[in-house]
Amino acid sequence: MTINCKGKLIDLTSPRVMGILNITPDSFYDGGQHKNEYDILKHVELMLNEGATFIDVGAYSSRPNADHVSEADELKRILPVVHLILKEFPEALLSIDTFRSNIAKSCIESGAALINDISAGKLDNNMLQTIADLQVPYIMMHMKGTPQTMQQQTSYDDIVKDIIFYFSERIAAARQSGIVDIIVDPGFGFAKTLEQNYELLNKLEHFKMIEKPLLVGISRKSMIYKALKNSAEESLNGTSVLNTVALQKNASILRVHDVKEAMECIKLVEFLNV
């Protein structure tokens, strides 16, 4: 199972880590931490050295009830960071966390490698065709509504069946547009209650039927700290536990704030599978 990133085939048979670089002031865990060029480059260097295959750069916070960011502001935030990182680390594979086709196009043309879209193309009608034209890997996530409304849209007949059906429809649309490399993300924390998140994780192996690489992003999310009655800052241990479960249930990519610990999860789970 491989994806083509800038002419380089990335094998996802062994799980990979995607390190998170939030350049938003209001992200739920690390908002505002990476304010200047030095901090950004230092953090990217750390994640790459710890084993991240991808760096996911986001300039629009998608946490519940996040403030809306205009397209102009998102572009103004993210494009200089893409240039900065690739000037210092030209081999880095940057994933761009955006649901806007113009942002995706500008960042890929500036050297980014793949697009991570929380809306699977449903918030921008031009996204699928843009990805197809750019011929880059596309991560499509499950969400209902928008970051501002999603927590009021948690009704499902059967959450796993409903999400698998959602992906079958979105994958068909992506294929029809001409997208080749597709990765699916069940969207933990997006339009899902605490109990629904755990049901989804418990049944994650059912997503094998989609026959696409599976990205899991649960790092320091509220499904951990609400269950443990602590905070995002205290949720690293819980993150490692749930990442281990996800790996045992076929996750191909772990999207995380803490790369070293995620790499350790992968190494230990691989020992179990020898």
C-alpha atoms as a PDB file:
ATOM      1  CA  MET A   1       0.000   0.000   0.000  1.00  0.00           C
ATOM      2  CA  THR A   2       1.821   3.098  -1.240  1.00  0.00           C
ATOM      3  CA  ILE A   3       1.118   6.762  -1.961  1.00  0.00           C
ATOM      4  CA  ASN A   4       3.060   9.013  -4.321  1.00  0.00           C
ATOM      5  CA  CYS A   5       4.404  12.155  -2.646  1.00  0.00           C
ATOM      6  CA  LYS A   6       6.358  14.441  -5.001  1.00  0.00           C
ATOM      7  CA  GLY A   7       7.527  11.463  -7.053  1.00  0.00           C
ATOM      8  CA  LYS A   8       8.525   9.436  -3.991  1.00  0.00           C
ATOM      9  CA  LEU A   9       6.570   6.278  -3.163  1.00  0.00           C
ATOM     10  CA  ILE A  10       5.736   6.126   0.539  1.00  0.00           C
ATOM     11  CA  ASP A  11       5.033   2.599   1.760  1.00  0.00           C
ATOM     12  CA  LEU A  12       2.211   2.551   4.309  1.00  0.00           C
ATOM     13  CA  THR A  13       2.436  -1.175   4.959  1.00  0.00           C
ATOM     14  CA  SER A  14       4.369  -0.198   8.076  1.00  0.00           C
ATOM     15  CA  PRO A  15       2.520   2.562   9.957  1.00  0.00           C
ATOM     16  CA  ARG A  16       3.784   6.141   9.679  1.00  0.00           C
ATOM     17  CA  VAL A  17       3.582   9.198  11.905  1.00  0.00           C
ATOM     18  CA  MET A  18       2.245  12.596  10.888  1.00  0.00           C
ATOM     19  CA  GLY A  19       3.450  15.356  13.188  1.00  0.00           C
ATOM     20  CA  ILE A  20       1.109  18.274  13.848  1.00  0.00           C
ATOM     21  CA  LEU A  21       2.217  21.874  13.336  1.00  0.00           C
ATOM     22  CA  ASN A  22      -0.594  24.237  14.298  1.00  0.00           C
ATOM     23  CA  ILE A  23       0.038  27.840  13.345  1.00  0.00           C
ATOM     24  CA  THR A  24      -3.292  28.994  14.720  1.00  0.00           C
ATOM     25  CA  PRO A  25      -3.658  31.049  17.904  1.00  0.00           C
ATOM     26  CA  ASP A  26      -6.635  29.003  19.155  1.00  0.00           C
ATOM     27  CA  SER A  27      -5.953  25.290  18.642  1.00  0.00           C
ATOM     28  CA  PHE A  28      -7.143  23.196  21.578  1.00  0.00           C
ATOM     29  CA  TYR A  29      -3.686  22.000  22.703  1.00  0.00           C
ATOM     30  CA  ASP A  30      -0.811  23.929  21.134  1.00  0.00           C
ATOM     31  CA  GLY A  31      -2.479  27.107  19.908  1.00  0.00           C
ATOM     32  CA  GLY A  32      -0.097  30.036  19.781  1.00  0.00           C
ATOM     33  CA  GLN A  33       3.001  28.010  20.676  1.00  0.00           C
ATOM     34  CA  HIS A  34       4.700  28.389  17.302  1.00  0.00           C
ATOM     35  CA  LYS A  35       4.687  32.152  16.863  1.00  0.00           C
ATOM     36  CA  ASN A  36       7.961  32.863  15.098  1.00  0.00           C
ATOM     37  CA  GLU A  37      10.268  31.335  12.515  1.00  0.00           C
ATOM     38  CA  TYR A  38      12.702  29.974  15.099  1.00  0.00           C
ATOM     39  CA  ASP A  39       9.982  28.154  17.076  1.00  0.00           C
ATOM     40  CA  ILE A  40       8.425  26.740  13.919  1.00  0.00           C
ATOM     41  CA  LEU A  41      11.706  25.413  12.525  1.00  0.00           C
ATOM     42  CA  LYS A  42      12.795  24.058  15.894  1.00  0.00           C
ATOM     43  CA  HIS A  43       9.539  22.130  16.278  1.00  0.00           C
ATOM     44  CA  VAL A  44       9.627  20.777  12.712  1.00  0.00           C
ATOM     45  CA  GLU A  45      13.247  19.680  13.150  1.00  0.00           C
ATOM     46  CA  LEU A  46      12.344  17.870  16.374  1.00  0.00           C
ATOM     47  CA  MET A  47       9.431  16.024  14.744  1.00  0.00           C
ATOM     48  CA  LEU A  48      11.506  15.005  11.716  1.00  0.00           C
ATOM     49  CA  ASN A  49      14.368  13.813  13.918  1.00  0.00           C
ATOM     50  CA  GLU A  50      11.946  11.806  16.041  1.00  0.00           C
ATOM     51  CA  GLY A  51      10.687   9.955  12.986  1.00  0.00           C
ATOM     52  CA  ALA A  52       7.745  11.828  11.451  1.00  0.00           C
ATOM     53  CA  THR A  53       7.188  10.964   7.801  1.00  0.00           C
ATOM     54  CA  PHE A  54       4.763  13.864   7.304  1.00  0.00           C
ATOM     55  CA  ILE A  55       4.351  17.303   8.871  1.00  0.00           C
ATOM     56  CA  ASP A  56       0.718  18.474   8.897  1.00  0.00           C
ATOM     57  CA  VAL A  57       0.495  22.269   8.761  1.00  0.00           C
ATOM     58  CA  GLY A  58      -2.785  23.905   9.712  1.00  0.00           C
ATOM     59  CA  ALA A  59      -3.775  27.568   9.793  1.00  0.00           C
ATOM     60  CA  TYR A  60      -7.509  27.125  10.516  1.00  0.00           C
ATOM     61  CA  SER A  61      -8.415  25.629  13.882  1.00  0.00           C
ATOM     62  CA  SER A  62     -11.029  22.912  13.481  1.00  0.00           C
ATOM     63  CA  ARG A  63     -11.724  22.430  17.181  1.00  0.00           C
ATOM     64  CA  PRO A  64     -15.415  22.613  18.166  1.00  0.00           C
ATOM     65  CA  ASN A  65     -16.772  26.170  18.013  1.00  0.00           C
ATOM     66  CA  ALA A  66     -13.509  27.505  16.601  1.00  0.00           C
ATOM     67  CA  ASP A  67     -13.521  31.033  15.229  1.00  0.00           C
ATOM     68  CA  HIS A  68     -14.029  31.353  11.500  1.00  0.00           C
ATOM     69  CA  VAL A  69     -10.894  32.376   9.573  1.00  0.00           C
ATOM     70  CA  SER A  70     -11.173  34.083   6.194  1.00  0.00           C
ATOM     71  CA  GLU A  71      -9.513  32.507   3.185  1.00  0.00           C
ATOM     72  CA  ALA A  72      -7.193  35.512   2.846  1.00  0.00           C
ATOM     73  CA  ASP A  73      -6.068  35.211   6.477  1.00  0.00           C
ATOM     74  CA  GLU A  74      -5.571  31.457   6.183  1.00  0.00           C
ATOM     75  CA  LEU A  75      -3.382  31.928   3.110  1.00  0.00           C
ATOM     76  CA  LYS A  76      -1.442  34.744   4.773  1.00  0.00           C
ATOM     77  CA  ARG A  77      -0.744  32.486   7.752  1.00  0.00           C
ATOM     78  CA  ILE A  78       0.152  29.273   5.964  1.00  0.00           C
ATOM     79  CA  LEU A  79       2.032  30.137   2.765  1.00  0.00           C
ATOM     80  CA  PRO A  80       5.051  31.811   4.419  1.00  0.00           C
ATOM     81  CA  VAL A  81       5.336  28.802   6.760  1.00  0.00           C
ATOM     82  CA  VAL A  82       5.361  26.360   3.831  1.00  0.00           C
ATOM     83  CA  HIS A  83       8.157  28.391   2.199  1.00  0.00           C
ATOM     84  CA  LEU A  84      10.060  28.651   5.492  1.00  0.00           C
ATOM     85  CA  ILE A  85       9.963  24.918   6.236  1.00  0.00           C
ATOM     86  CA  LEU A  86      10.850  23.775   2.728  1.00  0.00           C
ATOM     87  CA  LYS A  87      13.741  26.235   2.494  1.00  0.00           C
ATOM     88  CA  GLU A  88      15.229  24.713   5.664  1.00  0.00           C
ATOM     89  CA  PHE A  89      14.038  21.109   5.117  1.00  0.00           C
ATOM     90  CA  PRO A  90      13.591  20.656   1.343  1.00  0.00           C
ATOM     91  CA  GLU A  91      12.936  16.912   1.666  1.00  0.00           C
ATOM     92  CA  ALA A  92      10.119  17.345   4.196  1.00  0.00           C
ATOM     93  CA  LEU A  93       6.725  16.019   3.127  1.00  0.00           C
ATOM     94  CA  LEU A  94       4.229  18.702   4.107  1.00  0.00           C
ATOM     95  CA  SER A  95       0.565  17.897   4.492  1.00  0.00           C
ATOM     96  CA  ILE A  96      -1.714  20.931   4.311  1.00  0.00           C
ATOM     97  CA  ASP A  97      -4.693  20.850   6.660  1.00  0.00           C
ATOM     98  CA  THR A  98      -7.310  22.843   4.741  1.00  0.00           C
ATOM     99  CA  PHE A  99     -10.787  22.461   3.267  1.00  0.00           C
ATOM    100  CA  ARG A 100     -10.279  25.272   0.729  1.00  0.00           C
ATOM    101  CA  SER A 101      -9.171  24.468  -2.813  1.00  0.00           C
ATOM    102  CA  ASN A 102      -7.340  27.770  -3.350  1.00  0.00           C
ATOM    103  CA  ILE A 103      -5.246  27.198  -0.214  1.00  0.00           C
ATOM    104  CA  ALA A 104      -4.541  23.638  -1.336  1.00  0.00           C
ATOM    105  CA  LYS A 105      -3.454  24.760  -4.803  1.00  0.00           C
ATOM    106  CA  SER A 106      -1.203  27.565  -3.548  1.00  0.00           C
ATOM    107  CA  CYS A 107       0.523  25.330  -0.998  1.00  0.00           C
ATOM    108  CA  ILE A 108       1.076  22.404  -3.388  1.00  0.00           C
ATOM    109  CA  GLU A 109       2.475  24.783  -5.988  1.00  0.00           C
ATOM    110  CA  SER A 110       4.835  26.033  -3.261  1.00  0.00           C
ATOM    111  CA  GLY A 111       6.134  22.523  -2.623  1.00  0.00           C
ATOM    112  CA  ALA A 112       3.738  20.815  -0.204  1.00  0.00           C
ATOM    113  CA  ALA A 113       3.104  17.123  -0.830  1.00  0.00           C
ATOM    114  CA  LEU A 114      -0.473  16.231   0.149  1.00  0.00           C
ATOM    115  CA  ILE A 115      -3.777  17.694   1.328  1.00  0.00           C
ATOM    116  CA  ASN A 116      -5.659  16.858   4.520  1.00  0.00           C
ATOM    117  CA  ASP A 117      -9.300  17.953   4.206  1.00  0.00           C
ATOM    118  CA  ILE A 118     -11.606  17.710   7.235  1.00  0.00           C
ATOM    119  CA  SER A 119     -14.645  17.985   4.955  1.00  0.00           C
ATOM    120  CA  ALA A 120     -13.762  15.439   2.236  1.00  0.00           C
ATOM    121  CA  GLY A 121     -14.558  18.092  -0.348  1.00  0.00           C
ATOM    122  CA  LYS A 122     -17.982  18.985   1.026  1.00  0.00           C
ATOM    123  CA  LEU A 123     -17.088  22.534   2.100  1.00  0.00           C
ATOM    124  CA  ASP A 124     -15.562  23.535  -1.249  1.00  0.00           C
ATOM    125  CA  ASN A 125     -17.081  22.245  -4.479  1.00  0.00           C
ATOM    126  CA  ASN A 126     -13.791  22.814  -6.312  1.00  0.00           C
ATOM    127  CA  MET A 127     -11.633  20.751  -3.954  1.00  0.00           C
ATOM    128  CA  LEU A 128     -11.887  17.317  -5.568  1.00  0.00           C
ATOM    129  CA  GLN A 129     -11.133  18.575  -9.064  1.00  0.00           C
ATOM    130  CA  THR A 130      -8.284  20.705  -7.722  1.00  0.00           C
ATOM    131  CA  ILE A 131      -6.696  17.664  -6.042  1.00  0.00           C
ATOM    132  CA  ALA A 132      -7.149  15.626  -9.206  1.00  0.00           C
ATOM    133  CA  ASP A 133      -5.484  18.345 -11.288  1.00  0.00           C
ATOM    134  CA  LEU A 134      -2.594  18.584  -8.823  1.00  0.00           C
ATOM    135  CA  GLN A 135      -2.255  14.775  -8.658  1.00  0.00           C
ATOM    136  CA  VAL A 136      -1.374  14.669  -4.966  1.00  0.00           C
ATOM    137  CA  PRO A 137      -2.520  12.311  -2.186  1.00  0.00           C
ATOM    138  CA  TYR A 138      -5.761  13.332  -0.523  1.00  0.00           C
ATOM    139  CA  ILE A 139      -6.783  12.669   3.066  1.00  0.00           C
ATOM    140  CA  MET A 140     -10.560  12.807   3.416  1.00  0.00           C
ATOM    141  CA  MET A 141     -12.069  13.001   6.885  1.00  0.00           C
ATOM    142  CA  HIS A 142     -15.583  12.288   8.104  1.00  0.00           C
ATOM    143  CA  MET A 143     -17.406  15.256   9.580  1.00  0.00           C
ATOM    144  CA  LYS A 144     -20.964  16.550   9.571  1.00  0.00           C
ATOM    145  CA  GLY A 145     -21.610  20.264   9.314  1.00  0.00           C
ATOM    146  CA  THR A 146     -18.718  22.658  10.006  1.00  0.00           C
ATOM    147  CA  PRO A 147     -16.366  23.083  12.977  1.00  0.00           C
ATOM    148  CA  GLN A 148     -18.831  25.672  14.249  1.00  0.00           C
ATOM    149  CA  THR A 149     -21.885  23.369  14.020  1.00  0.00           C
ATOM    150  CA  MET A 150     -20.602  19.784  14.130  1.00  0.00           C
ATOM    151  CA  GLN A 151     -21.232  19.117  17.820  1.00  0.00           C
ATOM    152  CA  GLN A 152     -24.971  19.593  17.232  1.00  0.00           C
ATOM    153  CA  GLN A 153     -24.920  16.882  14.545  1.00  0.00           C
ATOM    154  CA  THR A 154     -24.186  13.650  16.403  1.00  0.00           C
ATOM    155  CA  SER A 155     -27.201  11.571  15.370  1.00  0.00           C
ATOM    156  CA  TYR A 156     -26.471   8.269  13.559  1.00  0.00           C
ATOM    157  CA  ASP A 157     -28.435   5.136  12.742  1.00  0.00           C
ATOM    158  CA  ASP A 158     -25.262   3.058  13.069  1.00  0.00           C
ATOM    159  CA  ILE A 159     -22.135   5.170  13.378  1.00  0.00           C
ATOM    160  CA  VAL A 160     -19.719   2.712  11.757  1.00  0.00           C
ATOM    161  CA  LYS A 161     -22.037   1.806   8.882  1.00  0.00           C
ATOM    162  CA  ASP A 162     -22.957   5.457   8.359  1.00  0.00           C
ATOM    163  CA  ILE A 163     -19.317   6.551   8.151  1.00  0.00           C
ATOM    164  CA  ILE A 164     -18.347   3.681   5.849  1.00  0.00           C
ATOM    165  CA  PHE A 165     -21.249   4.635   3.577  1.00  0.00           C
ATOM    166  CA  TYR A 166     -20.083   8.278   3.689  1.00  0.00           C
ATOM    167  CA  PHE A 167     -16.606   7.224   2.576  1.00  0.00           C
ATOM    168  CA  SER A 168     -17.913   4.994  -0.198  1.00  0.00           C
ATOM    169  CA  GLU A 169     -19.762   8.003  -1.634  1.00  0.00           C
ATOM    170  CA  ARG A 170     -16.845  10.415  -1.196  1.00  0.00           C
ATOM    171  CA  ILE A 171     -14.297   7.958  -2.611  1.00  0.00           C
ATOM    172  CA  ALA A 172     -16.513   7.401  -5.651  1.00  0.00           C
ATOM    173  CA  ALA A 173     -16.713  11.170  -6.186  1.00  0.00           C
ATOM    174  CA  ALA A 174     -12.936  11.508  -5.775  1.00  0.00           C
ATOM    175  CA  ARG A 175     -12.276   8.674  -8.207  1.00  0.00           C
ATOM    176  CA  GLN A 176     -14.660  10.192 -10.736  1.00  0.00           C
ATOM    177  CA  SER A 177     -12.726  13.466 -10.470  1.00  0.00           C
ATOM    178  CA  GLY A 178      -9.451  11.638 -11.134  1.00  0.00           C
ATOM    179  CA  ILE A 179      -7.867  11.422  -7.660  1.00  0.00           C
ATOM    180  CA  VAL A 180      -5.530   8.440  -7.360  1.00  0.00           C
ATOM    181  CA  ASP A 181      -4.148   8.282  -3.808  1.00  0.00           C
ATOM    182  CA  ILE A 182      -6.826   8.462  -1.104  1.00  0.00           C
ATOM    183  CA  ILE A 183      -6.468   8.126   2.668  1.00  0.00           C
ATOM    184  CA  VAL A 184      -9.498   8.032   4.984  1.00  0.00           C
ATOM    185  CA  ASP A 185      -9.802   9.538   8.475  1.00  0.00           C
ATOM    186  CA  PRO A 186     -12.880   8.578  10.576  1.00  0.00           C
ATOM    187  CA  GLY A 187     -12.771  11.997  12.236  1.00  0.00           C
ATOM    188  CA  PHE A 188     -12.529  11.317  15.954  1.00  0.00           C
ATOM    189  CA  GLY A 189     -14.083  14.227  17.825  1.00  0.00           C
ATOM    190  CA  PHE A 190     -15.856  15.646  14.781  1.00  0.00           C
ATOM    191  CA  ALA A 191     -19.657  15.429  15.095  1.00  0.00           C
ATOM    192  CA  LYS A 192     -19.284  12.571  17.587  1.00  0.00           C
ATOM    193  CA  THR A 193     -20.059  12.208  21.273  1.00  0.00           C
ATOM    194  CA  LEU A 194     -17.601  10.748  23.768  1.00  0.00           C
ATOM    195  CA  GLU A 195     -19.350   7.377  23.619  1.00  0.00           C
ATOM    196  CA  GLN A 196     -19.489   7.418  19.807  1.00  0.00           C
ATOM    197  CA  ASN A 197     -15.743   8.061  19.601  1.00  0.00           C
ATOM    198  CA  TYR A 198     -15.040   4.938  21.649  1.00  0.00           C
ATOM    199  CA  GLU A 199     -17.536   2.838  19.698  1.00  0.00           C
ATOM    200  CA  LEU A 200     -15.778   3.966  16.524  1.00  0.00           C
ATOM    201  CA  LEU A 201     -12.348   3.090  17.886  1.00  0.00           C
ATOM    202  CA  ASN A 202     -13.599  -0.253  19.185  1.00  0.00           C
ATOM    203  CA  LYS A 203     -14.867  -1.163  15.698  1.00  0.00           C
ATOM    204  CA  LEU A 204     -12.085   0.440  13.694  1.00  0.00           C
ATOM    205  CA  GLU A 205     -11.131  -2.843  12.003  1.00  0.00           C
ATOM    206  CA  HIS A 206     -14.365  -2.644   9.989  1.00  0.00           C
ATOM    207  CA  PHE A 207     -12.777   0.119   7.908  1.00  0.00           C
ATOM    208  CA  LYS A 208     -10.588  -2.534   6.262  1.00  0.00           C
ATOM    209  CA  MET A 209     -13.459  -3.070   3.828  1.00  0.00           C
ATOM    210  CA  ILE A 210     -12.816   0.391   2.357  1.00  0.00           C
ATOM    211  CA  GLU A 211      -9.387  -0.842   1.205  1.00  0.00           C
ATOM    212  CA  LYS A 212      -7.723   2.544   1.743  1.00  0.00           C
ATOM    213  CA  PRO A 213      -4.982   3.594   4.170  1.00  0.00           C
ATOM    214  CA  LEU A 214      -6.492   4.686   7.481  1.00  0.00           C
ATOM    215  CA  LEU A 215      -5.375   7.821   9.323  1.00  0.00           C
ATOM    216  CA  VAL A 216      -6.210   8.128  13.015  1.00  0.00           C
ATOM    217  CA  GLY A 217      -6.036  11.474  14.789  1.00  0.00           C
ATOM    218  CA  ILE A 218      -6.824  11.175  18.492  1.00  0.00           C
ATOM    219  CA  SER A 219      -3.813  12.976  19.934  1.00  0.00           C
ATOM    220  CA  ARG A 220      -4.689  14.738  23.217  1.00  0.00           C
ATOM    221  CA  LYS A 221      -8.345  15.086  22.163  1.00  0.00           C
ATOM    222  CA  SER A 222     -11.262  15.539  24.538  1.00  0.00           C
ATOM    223  CA  MET A 223     -12.276  11.888  24.129  1.00  0.00           C
ATOM    224  CA  ILE A 224      -9.175  11.171  26.212  1.00  0.00           C
ATOM    225  CA  TYR A 225      -9.119  13.947  28.780  1.00  0.00           C
ATOM    226  CA  LYS A 226     -12.886  13.944  29.375  1.00  0.00           C
ATOM    227  CA  ALA A 227     -12.794  10.189  30.006  1.00  0.00           C
ATOM    228  CA  LEU A 228      -9.801  10.550  32.339  1.00  0.00           C
ATOM    229  CA  LYS A 229     -11.075  13.793  33.892  1.00  0.00           C
ATOM    230  CA  ASN A 230      -7.810  15.590  33.292  1.00  0.00           C
ATOM    231  CA  SER A 231      -6.636  17.996  30.544  1.00  0.00           C
ATOM    232  CA  ALA A 232      -5.112  18.004  27.073  1.00  0.00           C
ATOM    233  CA  GLU A 233      -1.744  18.750  28.696  1.00  0.00           C
ATOM    234  CA  GLU A 234      -2.074  15.587  30.813  1.00  0.00           C
ATOM    235  CA  SER A 235      -3.269  13.329  27.990  1.00  0.00           C
ATOM    236  CA  LEU A 236      -0.053  11.992  26.494  1.00  0.00           C
ATOM    237  CA  ASN A 237      -0.301   8.630  28.251  1.00  0.00           C
ATOM    238  CA  GLY A 238      -3.922   8.246  27.201  1.00  0.00           C
ATOM    239  CA  THR A 239      -2.971   9.180  23.645  1.00  0.00           C
ATOM    240  CA  SER A 240      -0.338   6.441  23.545  1.00  0.00           C
ATOM    241  CA  VAL A 241      -2.818   3.866  24.840  1.00  0.00           C
ATOM    242  CA  LEU A 242      -5.421   4.701  22.197  1.00  0.00           C
ATOM    243  CA  ASN A 243      -2.817   4.977  19.426  1.00  0.00           C
ATOM    244  CA  THR A 244      -1.755   1.432  20.306  1.00  0.00           C
ATOM    245  CA  VAL A 245      -5.351   0.247  20.010  1.00  0.00           C
ATOM    246  CA  ALA A 246      -5.662   2.022  16.643  1.00  0.00           C
ATOM    247  CA  LEU A 247      -2.477   0.358  15.362  1.00  0.00           C
ATOM    248  CA  GLN A 248      -3.810  -3.053  16.362  1.00  0.00           C
ATOM    249  CA  LYS A 249      -6.942  -2.237  14.370  1.00  0.00           C
ATOM    250  CA  ASN A 250      -5.188  -1.398  11.096  1.00  0.00           C
ATOM    251  CA  ALA A 251      -4.246   2.296  11.366  1.00  0.00           C
ATOM    252  CA  SER A 252      -1.690   3.275   8.696  1.00  0.00           C
ATOM    253  CA  ILE A 253      -0.927   6.826   9.872  1.00  0.00           C
ATOM    254  CA  LEU A 254      -1.013   8.310  13.370  1.00  0.00           C
ATOM    255  CA  ARG A 255      -1.538  12.085  13.379  1.00  0.00           C
ATOM    256  CA  VAL A 256       0.018  13.302  16.630  1.00  0.00           C
ATOM    257  CA  HIS A 257       1.465  16.155  18.637  1.00  0.00           C
ATOM    258  CA  ASP A 258       4.101  13.869  20.206  1.00  0.00           C
ATOM    259  CA  VAL A 259       6.086  12.061  17.520  1.00  0.00           C
ATOM    260  CA  LYS A 260       8.609  10.182  19.684  1.00  0.00           C
ATOM    261  CA  GLU A 261       5.908   8.483  21.744  1.00  0.00           C
ATOM    262  CA  ALA A 262       3.888   7.561  18.646  1.00  0.00           C
ATOM    263  CA  MET A 263       6.976   6.010  17.047  1.00  0.00           C
ATOM    264  CA  GLU A 264       7.470   3.948  20.204  1.00  0.00           C
ATOM    265  CA  CYS A 265       3.870   2.694  19.935  1.00  0.00           C
ATOM    266  CA  ILE A 266       4.533   1.612  16.351  1.00  0.00           C
ATOM    267  CA  LYS A 267       7.778  -0.177  17.239  1.00  0.00           C
ATOM    268  CA  LEU A 268       6.231  -2.100  20.118  1.00  0.00           C
ATOM    269  CA  VAL A 269       3.138  -3.121  18.157  1.00  0.00           C
ATOM    270  CA  GLU A 270       5.412  -4.330  15.340  1.00  0.00           C
ATOM    271  CA  PHE A 271       7.129  -6.631  17.866  1.00  0.00           C
ATOM    272  CA  LEU A 272       3.720  -8.154  18.635  1.00  0.00           C
ATOM    273  CA  ASN A 273       3.189  -8.866  14.936  1.00  0.00           C
ATOM    274  CA  VAL A 274       6.528 -10.577  14.263  1.00  0.00           C
END
